[in-house]
């Protein structure tokens, strides 16, 4: 559901910021297997 919300904001031309549990993009994609395509910025919280 958070991803669908981010898609809605992105499709409407809005700003979408994601807060990832990962420490880096590599970990975000490969360890947690989370999306990246509809975010203007991802905060890698670690």
ModelCIF file with pLDDT and N, C-alpha, C, O atoms, coordinates in Angstrom:
data_MODEL
#
_entry.id   MODEL 
#
_entity.id                         1 
_entity.type                       polymer 
_entity.pdbx_number_of_molecules   1 
#
_entity_poly.entity_id                      1 
_entity_poly.type                           'polypeptide(L)' 
_entity_poly.nstd_linkage                   no 
_entity_poly.nstd_monomer                   no 
_entity_poly.pdbx_seq_one_letter_code       
;(UNK)(UNK)(UNK)(UNK)(UNK)(UNK)(UNK)(UNK)(UNK)(UNK)(UNK)(UNK)(UNK)(UNK)(UNK)(UNK)
(UNK)(UNK)(UNK)(UNK)(UNK)(UNK)(UNK)(UNK)(UNK)(UNK)(UNK)(UNK)(UNK)(UNK)(UNK)(UNK)
(UNK)(UNK)(UNK)(UNK)(UNK)(UNK)(UNK)(UNK)(UNK)(UNK)(UNK)(UNK)(UNK)(UNK)
;
_entity_poly.pdbx_seq_one_letter_code_can   XXXXXXXXXXXXXXXXXXXXXXXXXXXXXXXXXXXXXXXXXXXXXX 
_entity_poly.pdbx_strand_id                 A 
#
loop_
_entity_poly_seq.entity_id 
_entity_poly_seq.num 
_entity_poly_seq.mon_id 
_entity_poly_seq.hetero 
1 1  UNK n 
1 2  UNK n 
1 3  UNK n 
1 4  UNK n 
1 5  UNK n 
1 6  UNK n 
1 7  UNK n 
1 8  UNK n 
1 9  UNK n 
1 10 UNK n 
1 11 UNK n 
1 12 UNK n 
1 13 UNK n 
1 14 UNK n 
1 15 UNK n 
1 16 UNK n 
1 17 UNK n 
1 18 UNK n 
1 19 UNK n 
1 20 UNK n 
1 21 UNK n 
1 22 UNK n 
1 23 UNK n 
1 24 UNK n 
1 25 UNK n 
1 26 UNK n 
1 27 UNK n 
1 28 UNK n 
1 29 UNK n 
1 30 UNK n 
1 31 UNK n 
1 32 UNK n 
1 33 UNK n 
1 34 UNK n 
1 35 UNK n 
1 36 UNK n 
1 37 UNK n 
1 38 UNK n 
1 39 UNK n 
1 40 UNK n 
1 41 UNK n 
1 42 UNK n 
1 43 UNK n 
1 44 UNK n 
1 45 UNK n 
1 46 UNK n 
#
_struct_asym.id          A 
_struct_asym.entity_id   1 
#
loop_
_ma_qa_metric.id 
_ma_qa_metric.mode 
_ma_qa_metric.name 
_ma_qa_metric.software_group_id 
_ma_qa_metric.type 
1 global pLDDT . pLDDT 
2 local  pLDDT . pLDDT 
#
_ma_qa_metric_global.metric_id      1 
_ma_qa_metric_global.metric_value   97.46 
_ma_qa_metric_global.model_id       1 
_ma_qa_metric_global.ordinal_id     1 
#
loop_
_ma_qa_metric_local.label_asym_id 
_ma_qa_metric_local.label_comp_id 
_ma_qa_metric_local.label_seq_id 
_ma_qa_metric_local.metric_id 
_ma_qa_metric_local.metric_value 
_ma_qa_metric_local.model_id 
_ma_qa_metric_local.ordinal_id 
A UNK 1  2 98.00 1 1  
A UNK 2  2 98.00 1 2  
A UNK 3  2 98.00 1 3  
A UNK 4  2 98.00 1 4  
A UNK 5  2 98.00 1 5  
A UNK 6  2 98.00 1 6  
A UNK 7  2 98.00 1 7  
A UNK 8  2 98.00 1 8  
A UNK 9  2 98.00 1 9  
A UNK 10 2 97.00 1 10 
A UNK 11 2 98.00 1 11 
A UNK 12 2 98.00 1 12 
A UNK 13 2 97.00 1 13 
A UNK 14 2 97.00 1 14 
A UNK 15 2 96.00 1 15 
A UNK 16 2 97.00 1 16 
A UNK 17 2 98.00 1 17 
A UNK 18 2 98.00 1 18 
A UNK 19 2 98.00 1 19 
A UNK 20 2 98.00 1 20 
A UNK 21 2 98.00 1 21 
A UNK 22 2 98.00 1 22 
A UNK 23 2 98.00 1 23 
A UNK 24 2 98.00 1 24 
A UNK 25 2 97.00 1 25 
A UNK 26 2 97.00 1 26 
A UNK 27 2 98.00 1 27 
A UNK 28 2 98.00 1 28 
A UNK 29 2 98.00 1 29 
A UNK 30 2 97.00 1 30 
A UNK 31 2 97.00 1 31 
A UNK 32 2 97.00 1 32 
A UNK 33 2 97.00 1 33 
A UNK 34 2 98.00 1 34 
A UNK 35 2 97.00 1 35 
A UNK 36 2 96.00 1 36 
A UNK 37 2 95.00 1 37 
A UNK 38 2 95.00 1 38 
A UNK 39 2 97.00 1 39 
A UNK 40 2 97.00 1 40 
A UNK 41 2 97.00 1 41 
A UNK 42 2 98.00 1 42 
A UNK 43 2 98.00 1 43 
A UNK 44 2 98.00 1 44 
A UNK 45 2 98.00 1 45 
A UNK 46 2 97.00 1 46 
#
loop_
_atom_site.group_PDB 
_atom_site.id 
_atom_site.type_symbol 
_atom_site.label_atom_id 
_atom_site.label_alt_id 
_atom_site.label_comp_id 
_atom_site.label_asym_id 
_atom_site.label_entity_id 
_atom_site.label_seq_id 
_atom_site.pdbx_PDB_ins_code 
_atom_site.Cartn_x 
_atom_site.Cartn_y 
_atom_site.Cartn_z 
_atom_site.occupancy 
_atom_site.B_iso_or_equiv 
_atom_site.pdbx_formal_charge 
_atom_site.auth_seq_id 
_atom_site.auth_comp_id 
_atom_site.auth_asym_id 
_atom_site.auth_atom_id 
_atom_site.pdbx_PDB_model_num 
ATOM 1   N N  . UNK A 1 1  ? 0.803  -1.223 0.000   1.00 98.00 ? 1  UNK A N  1 
ATOM 2   C CA . UNK A 1 1  ? 0.000  0.000  0.000   1.00 98.00 ? 1  UNK A CA 1 
ATOM 3   C C  . UNK A 1 1  ? 0.840  1.279  0.000   1.00 98.00 ? 1  UNK A C  1 
ATOM 4   O O  . UNK A 1 1  ? 0.477  2.223  -0.702  1.00 98.00 ? 1  UNK A O  1 
ATOM 5   N N  . UNK A 1 2  ? 1.951  1.361  0.755   1.00 98.00 ? 2  UNK A N  1 
ATOM 6   C CA . UNK A 1 2  ? 2.781  2.561  0.658   1.00 98.00 ? 2  UNK A CA 1 
ATOM 7   C C  . UNK A 1 2  ? 3.308  2.782  -0.762  1.00 98.00 ? 2  UNK A C  1 
ATOM 8   O O  . UNK A 1 2  ? 3.440  3.922  -1.207  1.00 98.00 ? 2  UNK A O  1 
ATOM 9   N N  . UNK A 1 3  ? 3.605  1.699  -1.465  1.00 98.00 ? 3  UNK A N  1 
ATOM 10  C CA . UNK A 1 3  ? 4.093  1.828  -2.843  1.00 98.00 ? 3  UNK A CA 1 
ATOM 11  C C  . UNK A 1 3  ? 2.989  2.365  -3.757  1.00 98.00 ? 3  UNK A C  1 
ATOM 12  O O  . UNK A 1 3  ? 3.252  3.216  -4.606  1.00 98.00 ? 3  UNK A O  1 
ATOM 13  N N  . UNK A 1 4  ? 1.774  1.882  -3.593  1.00 98.00 ? 4  UNK A N  1 
ATOM 14  C CA . UNK A 1 4  ? 0.671  2.398  -4.403  1.00 98.00 ? 4  UNK A CA 1 
ATOM 15  C C  . UNK A 1 4  ? 0.445  3.888  -4.125  1.00 98.00 ? 4  UNK A C  1 
ATOM 16  O O  . UNK A 1 4  ? 0.150  4.658  -5.039  1.00 98.00 ? 4  UNK A O  1 
ATOM 17  N N  . UNK A 1 5  ? 0.585  4.283  -2.874  1.00 98.00 ? 5  UNK A N  1 
ATOM 18  C CA . UNK A 1 5  ? 0.453  5.700  -2.541  1.00 98.00 ? 5  UNK A CA 1 
ATOM 19  C C  . UNK A 1 5  ? 1.555  6.523  -3.218  1.00 98.00 ? 5  UNK A C  1 
ATOM 20  O O  . UNK A 1 5  ? 1.299  7.606  -3.744  1.00 98.00 ? 5  UNK A O  1 
ATOM 21  N N  . UNK A 1 6  ? 2.776  5.996  -3.195  1.00 98.00 ? 6  UNK A N  1 
ATOM 22  C CA . UNK A 1 6  ? 3.892  6.689  -3.840  1.00 98.00 ? 6  UNK A CA 1 
ATOM 23  C C  . UNK A 1 6  ? 3.677  6.780  -5.348  1.00 98.00 ? 6  UNK A C  1 
ATOM 24  O O  . UNK A 1 6  ? 4.007  7.794  -5.963  1.00 98.00 ? 6  UNK A O  1 
ATOM 25  N N  . UNK A 1 7  ? 3.131  5.736  -5.938  1.00 98.00 ? 7  UNK A N  1 
ATOM 26  C CA . UNK A 1 7  ? 2.820  5.756  -7.367  1.00 98.00 ? 7  UNK A CA 1 
ATOM 27  C C  . UNK A 1 7  ? 1.781  6.831  -7.659  1.00 98.00 ? 7  UNK A C  1 
ATOM 28  O O  . UNK A 1 7  ? 1.896  7.561  -8.644  1.00 98.00 ? 7  UNK A O  1 
ATOM 29  N N  . UNK A 1 8  ? 0.770  6.926  -6.803  1.00 98.00 ? 8  UNK A N  1 
ATOM 30  C CA . UNK A 1 8  ? -0.267 7.942  -7.003  1.00 98.00 ? 8  UNK A CA 1 
ATOM 31  C C  . UNK A 1 8  ? 0.297  9.346  -6.960  1.00 98.00 ? 8  UNK A C  1 
ATOM 32  O O  . UNK A 1 8  ? -0.046 10.188 -7.790  1.00 98.00 ? 8  UNK A O  1 
ATOM 33  N N  . UNK A 1 9  ? 1.171  9.601  -5.984  1.00 98.00 ? 9  UNK A N  1 
ATOM 34  C CA . UNK A 1 9  ? 1.782  10.923 -5.869  1.00 98.00 ? 9  UNK A CA 1 
ATOM 35  C C  . UNK A 1 9  ? 2.684  11.219 -7.059  1.00 98.00 ? 9  UNK A C  1 
ATOM 36  O O  . UNK A 1 9  ? 2.672  12.329 -7.590  1.00 98.00 ? 9  UNK A O  1 
ATOM 37  N N  . UNK A 1 10 ? 3.462  10.233 -7.476  1.00 97.00 ? 10 UNK A N  1 
ATOM 38  C CA . UNK A 1 10 ? 4.375  10.410 -8.604  1.00 97.00 ? 10 UNK A CA 1 
ATOM 39  C C  . UNK A 1 10 ? 3.610  10.655 -9.896  1.00 97.00 ? 10 UNK A C  1 
ATOM 40  O O  . UNK A 1 10 ? 3.965  11.544 -10.670 1.00 97.00 ? 10 UNK A O  1 
ATOM 41  N N  . UNK A 1 11 ? 2.566  9.875  -10.134 1.00 98.00 ? 11 UNK A N  1 
ATOM 42  C CA . UNK A 1 11 ? 1.769  10.034 -11.358 1.00 98.00 ? 11 UNK A CA 1 
ATOM 43  C C  . UNK A 1 11 ? 1.081  11.394 -11.413 1.00 98.00 ? 11 UNK A C  1 
ATOM 44  O O  . UNK A 1 11 ? 0.814  11.920 -12.493 1.00 98.00 ? 11 UNK A O  1 
ATOM 45  N N  . UNK A 1 12 ? 0.797  11.959 -10.239 1.00 98.00 ? 12 UNK A N  1 
ATOM 46  C CA . UNK A 1 12 ? 0.144  13.271 -10.178 1.00 98.00 ? 12 UNK A CA 1 
ATOM 47  C C  . UNK A 1 12 ? 1.154  14.416 -10.221 1.00 98.00 ? 12 UNK A C  1 
ATOM 48  O O  . UNK A 1 12 ? 0.779  15.585 -10.129 1.00 98.00 ? 12 UNK A O  1 
ATOM 49  N N  . UNK A 1 13 ? 2.434  14.076 -10.361 1.00 97.00 ? 13 UNK A N  1 
ATOM 50  C CA . UNK A 1 13 ? 3.462  15.110 -10.450 1.00 97.00 ? 13 UNK A CA 1 
ATOM 51  C C  . UNK A 1 13 ? 3.905  15.661 -9.118  1.00 97.00 ? 13 UNK A C  1 
ATOM 52  O O  . UNK A 1 13 ? 4.487  16.744 -9.063  1.00 97.00 ? 13 UNK A O  1 
ATOM 53  N N  . UNK A 1 14 ? 3.640  14.935 -8.029  1.00 97.00 ? 14 UNK A N  1 
ATOM 54  C CA . UNK A 1 14 ? 3.981  15.427 -6.703  1.00 97.00 ? 14 UNK A CA 1 
ATOM 55  C C  . UNK A 1 14 ? 5.322  14.914 -6.208  1.00 97.00 ? 14 UNK A C  1 
ATOM 56  O O  . UNK A 1 14 ? 5.992  14.130 -6.879  1.00 97.00 ? 14 UNK A O  1 
ATOM 57  N N  . UNK A 1 15 ? 5.697  15.369 -5.029  1.00 96.00 ? 15 UNK A N  1 
ATOM 58  C CA . UNK A 1 15 ? 6.947  14.971 -4.393  1.00 96.00 ? 15 UNK A CA 1 
ATOM 59  C C  . UNK A 1 15 ? 6.708  13.744 -3.514  1.00 96.00 ? 15 UNK A C  1 
ATOM 60  O O  . UNK A 1 15 ? 5.799  13.734 -2.684  1.00 96.00 ? 15 UNK A O  1 
ATOM 61  N N  . UNK A 1 16 ? 7.529  12.713 -3.702  1.00 97.00 ? 16 UNK A N  1 
ATOM 62  C CA . UNK A 1 16 ? 7.406  11.487 -2.924  1.00 97.00 ? 16 UNK A CA 1 
ATOM 63  C C  . UNK A 1 16 ? 8.752  11.145 -2.311  1.00 97.00 ? 16 UNK A C  1 
ATOM 64  O O  . UNK A 1 16 ? 9.736  10.965 -3.029  1.00 97.00 ? 16 UNK A O  1 
ATOM 65  N N  . UNK A 1 17 ? 8.801  11.054 -0.982  1.00 98.00 ? 17 UNK A N  1 
ATOM 66  C CA . UNK A 1 17 ? 10.033 10.750 -0.268  1.00 98.00 ? 17 UNK A CA 1 
ATOM 67  C C  . UNK A 1 17 ? 9.872  9.428  0.478   1.00 98.00 ? 17 UNK A C  1 
ATOM 68  O O  . UNK A 1 17 ? 8.911  9.240  1.224   1.00 98.00 ? 17 UNK A O  1 
ATOM 69  N N  . UNK A 1 18 ? 10.817 8.516  0.272   1.00 98.00 ? 18 UNK A N  1 
ATOM 70  C CA . UNK A 1 18 ? 10.769 7.220  0.937   1.00 98.00 ? 18 UNK A CA 1 
ATOM 71  C C  . UNK A 1 18 ? 11.808 7.125  2.043   1.00 98.00 ? 18 UNK A C  1 
ATOM 72  O O  . UNK A 1 18 ? 12.932 7.604  1.893   1.00 98.00 ? 18 UNK A O  1 
ATOM 73  N N  . UNK A 1 19 ? 11.429 6.506  3.151   1.00 98.00 ? 19 UNK A N  1 
ATOM 74  C CA . UNK A 1 19 ? 12.340 6.276  4.273   1.00 98.00 ? 19 UNK A CA 1 
ATOM 75  C C  . UNK A 1 19 ? 12.640 4.778  4.316   1.00 98.00 ? 19 UNK A C  1 
ATOM 76  O O  . UNK A 1 19 ? 11.801 3.975  4.725   1.00 98.00 ? 19 UNK A O  1 
ATOM 77  N N  . UNK A 1 20 ? 13.834 4.423  3.893   1.00 98.00 ? 20 UNK A N  1 
ATOM 78  C CA . UNK A 1 20 ? 14.203 3.017  3.768   1.00 98.00 ? 20 UNK A CA 1 
ATOM 79  C C  . UNK A 1 20 ? 14.816 2.470  5.052   1.00 98.00 ? 20 UNK A C  1 
ATOM 80  O O  . UNK A 1 20 ? 15.504 3.195  5.770   1.00 98.00 ? 20 UNK A O  1 
ATOM 81  N N  . UNK A 1 21 ? 14.570 1.195  5.343   1.00 98.00 ? 21 UNK A N  1 
ATOM 82  C CA . UNK A 1 21 ? 15.241 0.565  6.497   1.00 98.00 ? 21 UNK A CA 1 
ATOM 83  C C  . UNK A 1 21 ? 16.719 0.285  6.202   1.00 98.00 ? 21 UNK A C  1 
ATOM 84  O O  . UNK A 1 21 ? 17.494 -0.020 7.108   1.00 98.00 ? 21 UNK A O  1 
ATOM 85  N N  . UNK A 1 22 ? 17.094 0.392  4.938   1.00 98.00 ? 22 UNK A N  1 
ATOM 86  C CA . UNK A 1 22 ? 18.445 0.038  4.515   1.00 98.00 ? 22 UNK A CA 1 
ATOM 87  C C  . UNK A 1 22 ? 19.438 1.165  4.755   1.00 98.00 ? 22 UNK A C  1 
ATOM 88  O O  . UNK A 1 22 ? 19.063 2.312  4.999   1.00 98.00 ? 22 UNK A O  1 
ATOM 89  N N  . UNK A 1 23 ? 20.720 0.806  4.678   1.00 98.00 ? 23 UNK A N  1 
ATOM 90  C CA . UNK A 1 23 ? 21.788 1.774  4.887   1.00 98.00 ? 23 UNK A CA 1 
ATOM 91  C C  . UNK A 1 23 ? 22.281 2.366  3.563   1.00 98.00 ? 23 UNK A C  1 
ATOM 92  O O  . UNK A 1 23 ? 22.985 3.376  3.559   1.00 98.00 ? 23 UNK A O  1 
ATOM 93  N N  . UNK A 1 24 ? 21.913 1.740  2.444   1.00 98.00 ? 24 UNK A N  1 
ATOM 94  C CA . UNK A 1 24 ? 22.382 2.183  1.139   1.00 98.00 ? 24 UNK A CA 1 
ATOM 95  C C  . UNK A 1 24 ? 21.421 1.711  0.060   1.00 98.00 ? 24 UNK A C  1 
ATOM 96  O O  . UNK A 1 24 ? 20.542 0.887  0.308   1.00 98.00 ? 24 UNK A O  1 
ATOM 97  N N  . UNK A 1 25 ? 21.601 2.247  -1.142  1.00 97.00 ? 25 UNK A N  1 
ATOM 98  C CA . UNK A 1 25 ? 20.778 1.800  -2.262  1.00 97.00 ? 25 UNK A CA 1 
ATOM 99  C C  . UNK A 1 25 ? 21.001 0.322  -2.547  1.00 97.00 ? 25 UNK A C  1 
ATOM 100 O O  . UNK A 1 25 ? 20.048 -0.405 -2.830  1.00 97.00 ? 25 UNK A O  1 
ATOM 101 N N  . UNK A 1 26 ? 22.250 -0.131 -2.476  1.00 97.00 ? 26 UNK A N  1 
ATOM 102 C CA . UNK A 1 26 ? 22.557 -1.539 -2.709  1.00 97.00 ? 26 UNK A CA 1 
ATOM 103 C C  . UNK A 1 26 ? 21.778 -2.433 -1.731  1.00 97.00 ? 26 UNK A C  1 
ATOM 104 O O  . UNK A 1 26 ? 21.174 -3.429 -2.128  1.00 97.00 ? 26 UNK A O  1 
ATOM 105 N N  . UNK A 1 27 ? 21.805 -2.055 -0.449  1.00 98.00 ? 27 UNK A N  1 
ATOM 106 C CA . UNK A 1 27 ? 21.093 -2.848 0.552   1.00 98.00 ? 27 UNK A CA 1 
ATOM 107 C C  . UNK A 1 27 ? 19.582 -2.736 0.362   1.00 98.00 ? 27 UNK A C  1 
ATOM 108 O O  . UNK A 1 27 ? 18.850 -3.710 0.541   1.00 98.00 ? 27 UNK A O  1 
ATOM 109 N N  . UNK A 1 28 ? 19.128 -1.545 0.000   1.00 98.00 ? 28 UNK A N  1 
ATOM 110 C CA . UNK A 1 28 ? 17.702 -1.317 -0.249  1.00 98.00 ? 28 UNK A CA 1 
ATOM 111 C C  . UNK A 1 28 ? 17.191 -2.263 -1.328  1.00 98.00 ? 28 UNK A C  1 
ATOM 112 O O  . UNK A 1 28 ? 16.125 -2.863 -1.187  1.00 98.00 ? 28 UNK A O  1 
ATOM 113 N N  . UNK A 1 29 ? 17.965 -2.393 -2.413  1.00 98.00 ? 29 UNK A N  1 
ATOM 114 C CA . UNK A 1 29 ? 17.530 -3.206 -3.543  1.00 98.00 ? 29 UNK A CA 1 
ATOM 115 C C  . UNK A 1 29 ? 17.801 -4.693 -3.351  1.00 98.00 ? 29 UNK A C  1 
ATOM 116 O O  . UNK A 1 29 ? 16.958 -5.521 -3.696  1.00 98.00 ? 29 UNK A O  1 
ATOM 117 N N  . UNK A 1 30 ? 18.969 -5.045 -2.803  1.00 97.00 ? 30 UNK A N  1 
ATOM 118 C CA . UNK A 1 30 ? 19.381 -6.441 -2.788  1.00 97.00 ? 30 UNK A CA 1 
ATOM 119 C C  . UNK A 1 30 ? 19.062 -7.185 -1.494  1.00 97.00 ? 30 UNK A C  1 
ATOM 120 O O  . UNK A 1 30 ? 18.702 -8.362 -1.525  1.00 97.00 ? 30 UNK A O  1 
ATOM 121 N N  . UNK A 1 31 ? 19.193 -6.503 -0.362  1.00 97.00 ? 31 UNK A N  1 
ATOM 122 C CA . UNK A 1 31 ? 18.867 -7.169 0.903   1.00 97.00 ? 31 UNK A CA 1 
ATOM 123 C C  . UNK A 1 31 ? 17.381 -7.083 1.207   1.00 97.00 ? 31 UNK A C  1 
ATOM 124 O O  . UNK A 1 31 ? 16.735 -8.094 1.483   1.00 97.00 ? 31 UNK A O  1 
ATOM 125 N N  . UNK A 1 32 ? 16.841 -5.865 1.156   1.00 97.00 ? 32 UNK A N  1 
ATOM 126 C CA . UNK A 1 32 ? 15.428 -5.679 1.513   1.00 97.00 ? 32 UNK A CA 1 
ATOM 127 C C  . UNK A 1 32 ? 14.490 -5.874 0.325   1.00 97.00 ? 32 UNK A C  1 
ATOM 128 O O  . UNK A 1 32 ? 13.294 -6.106 0.500   1.00 97.00 ? 32 UNK A O  1 
ATOM 129 N N  . UNK A 1 33 ? 15.050 -5.778 -0.905  1.00 97.00 ? 33 UNK A N  1 
ATOM 130 C CA . UNK A 1 33 ? 14.264 -5.979 -2.121  1.00 97.00 ? 33 UNK A CA 1 
ATOM 131 C C  . UNK A 1 33 ? 13.075 -5.023 -2.183  1.00 97.00 ? 33 UNK A C  1 
ATOM 132 O O  . UNK A 1 33 ? 11.926 -5.432 -2.345  1.00 97.00 ? 33 UNK A O  1 
ATOM 133 N N  . UNK A 1 34 ? 13.394 -3.740 -2.048  1.00 98.00 ? 34 UNK A N  1 
ATOM 134 C CA . UNK A 1 34 ? 12.373 -2.696 -2.019  1.00 98.00 ? 34 UNK A CA 1 
ATOM 135 C C  . UNK A 1 34 ? 12.437 -1.836 -3.284  1.00 98.00 ? 34 UNK A C  1 
ATOM 136 O O  . UNK A 1 34 ? 13.483 -1.768 -3.931  1.00 98.00 ? 34 UNK A O  1 
ATOM 137 N N  . UNK A 1 35 ? 11.330 -1.179 -3.641  1.00 97.00 ? 35 UNK A N  1 
ATOM 138 C CA . UNK A 1 35 ? 11.269 -0.395 -4.876  1.00 97.00 ? 35 UNK A CA 1 
ATOM 139 C C  . UNK A 1 35 ? 11.999 0.943  -4.772  1.00 97.00 ? 35 UNK A C  1 
ATOM 140 O O  . UNK A 1 35 ? 12.301 1.428  -3.682  1.00 97.00 ? 35 UNK A O  1 
ATOM 141 N N  . UNK A 1 36 ? 12.270 1.517  -5.930  1.00 96.00 ? 36 UNK A N  1 
ATOM 142 C CA . UNK A 1 36 ? 12.945 2.812  -5.969  1.00 96.00 ? 36 UNK A CA 1 
ATOM 143 C C  . UNK A 1 36 ? 12.356 3.749  -7.022  1.00 96.00 ? 36 UNK A C  1 
ATOM 144 O O  . UNK A 1 36 ? 12.641 4.947  -7.009  1.00 96.00 ? 36 UNK A O  1 
ATOM 145 N N  . UNK A 1 37 ? 11.540 3.221  -7.931  1.00 95.00 ? 37 UNK A N  1 
ATOM 146 C CA . UNK A 1 37 ? 11.202 3.926  -9.165  1.00 95.00 ? 37 UNK A CA 1 
ATOM 147 C C  . UNK A 1 37 ? 10.300 5.144  -9.006  1.00 95.00 ? 37 UNK A C  1 
ATOM 148 O O  . UNK A 1 37 ? 10.325 6.026  -9.865  1.00 95.00 ? 37 UNK A O  1 
ATOM 149 N N  . UNK A 1 38 ? 9.514  5.228  -7.951  1.00 95.00 ? 38 UNK A N  1 
ATOM 150 C CA . UNK A 1 38 ? 8.545  6.331  -7.864  1.00 95.00 ? 38 UNK A CA 1 
ATOM 151 C C  . UNK A 1 38 ? 8.887  7.335  -6.759  1.00 95.00 ? 38 UNK A C  1 
ATOM 152 O O  . UNK A 1 38 ? 8.028  8.092  -6.308  1.00 95.00 ? 38 UNK A O  1 
ATOM 153 N N  . UNK A 1 39 ? 10.147 7.331  -6.334  1.00 97.00 ? 39 UNK A N  1 
ATOM 154 C CA . UNK A 1 39 ? 10.551 8.257  -5.275  1.00 97.00 ? 39 UNK A CA 1 
ATOM 155 C C  . UNK A 1 39 ? 11.456 9.350  -5.826  1.00 97.00 ? 39 UNK A C  1 
ATOM 156 O O  . UNK A 1 39 ? 12.345 9.086  -6.635  1.00 97.00 ? 39 UNK A O  1 
ATOM 157 N N  . UNK A 1 40 ? 11.222 10.569 -5.384  1.00 97.00 ? 40 UNK A N  1 
ATOM 158 C CA . UNK A 1 40 ? 12.110 11.676 -5.739  1.00 97.00 ? 40 UNK A CA 1 
ATOM 159 C C  . UNK A 1 40 ? 13.376 11.633 -4.893  1.00 97.00 ? 40 UNK A C  1 
ATOM 160 O O  . UNK A 1 40 ? 14.436 12.099 -5.310  1.00 97.00 ? 40 UNK A O  1 
ATOM 161 N N  . UNK A 1 41 ? 13.247 11.073 -3.711  1.00 97.00 ? 41 UNK A N  1 
ATOM 162 C CA . UNK A 1 41 ? 14.394 10.973 -2.805  1.00 97.00 ? 41 UNK A CA 1 
ATOM 163 C C  . UNK A 1 41 ? 14.139 9.819  -1.852  1.00 97.00 ? 41 UNK A C  1 
ATOM 164 O O  . UNK A 1 41 ? 13.019 9.630  -1.379  1.00 97.00 ? 41 UNK A O  1 
ATOM 165 N N  . UNK A 1 42 ? 15.184 9.048  -1.572  1.00 98.00 ? 42 UNK A N  1 
ATOM 166 C CA . UNK A 1 42 ? 15.099 7.983  -0.579  1.00 98.00 ? 42 UNK A CA 1 
ATOM 167 C C  . UNK A 1 42 ? 16.087 8.276  0.537   1.00 98.00 ? 42 UNK A C  1 
ATOM 168 O O  . UNK A 1 42 ? 17.282 8.445  0.295   1.00 98.00 ? 42 UNK A O  1 
ATOM 169 N N  . UNK A 1 43 ? 15.581 8.334  1.752   1.00 98.00 ? 43 UNK A N  1 
ATOM 170 C CA . UNK A 1 43 ? 16.409 8.522  2.938   1.00 98.00 ? 43 UNK A CA 1 
ATOM 171 C C  . UNK A 1 43 ? 16.798 7.139  3.444   1.00 98.00 ? 43 UNK A C  1 
ATOM 172 O O  . UNK A 1 43 ? 15.958 6.404  3.964   1.00 98.00 ? 43 UNK A O  1 
ATOM 173 N N  . UNK A 1 44 ? 18.070 6.785  3.293   1.00 98.00 ? 44 UNK A N  1 
ATOM 174 C CA . UNK A 1 44 ? 18.547 5.477  3.746   1.00 98.00 ? 44 UNK A CA 1 
ATOM 175 C C  . UNK A 1 44 ? 18.891 5.570  5.230   1.00 98.00 ? 44 UNK A C  1 
ATOM 176 O O  . UNK A 1 44 ? 19.985 5.994  5.601   1.00 98.00 ? 44 UNK A O  1 
ATOM 177 N N  . UNK A 1 45 ? 17.953 5.173  6.061   1.00 98.00 ? 45 UNK A N  1 
ATOM 178 C CA . UNK A 1 45 ? 18.074 5.388  7.504   1.00 98.00 ? 45 UNK A CA 1 
ATOM 179 C C  . UNK A 1 45 ? 19.045 4.412  8.169   1.00 98.00 ? 45 UNK A C  1 
ATOM 180 O O  . UNK A 1 45 ? 19.682 4.758  9.165   1.00 98.00 ? 45 UNK A O  1 
ATOM 181 N N  . UNK A 1 46 ? 19.165 3.189  7.626   1.00 97.00 ? 46 UNK A N  1 
ATOM 182 C CA . UNK A 1 46 ? 19.989 2.179  8.268   1.00 97.00 ? 46 UNK A CA 1 
ATOM 183 C C  . UNK A 1 46 ? 19.445 1.717  9.608   1.00 97.00 ? 46 UNK A C  1 
ATOM 184 O O  . UNK A 1 46 ? 20.048 0.863  10.257  1.00 97.00 ? 46 UNK A O  1 
#
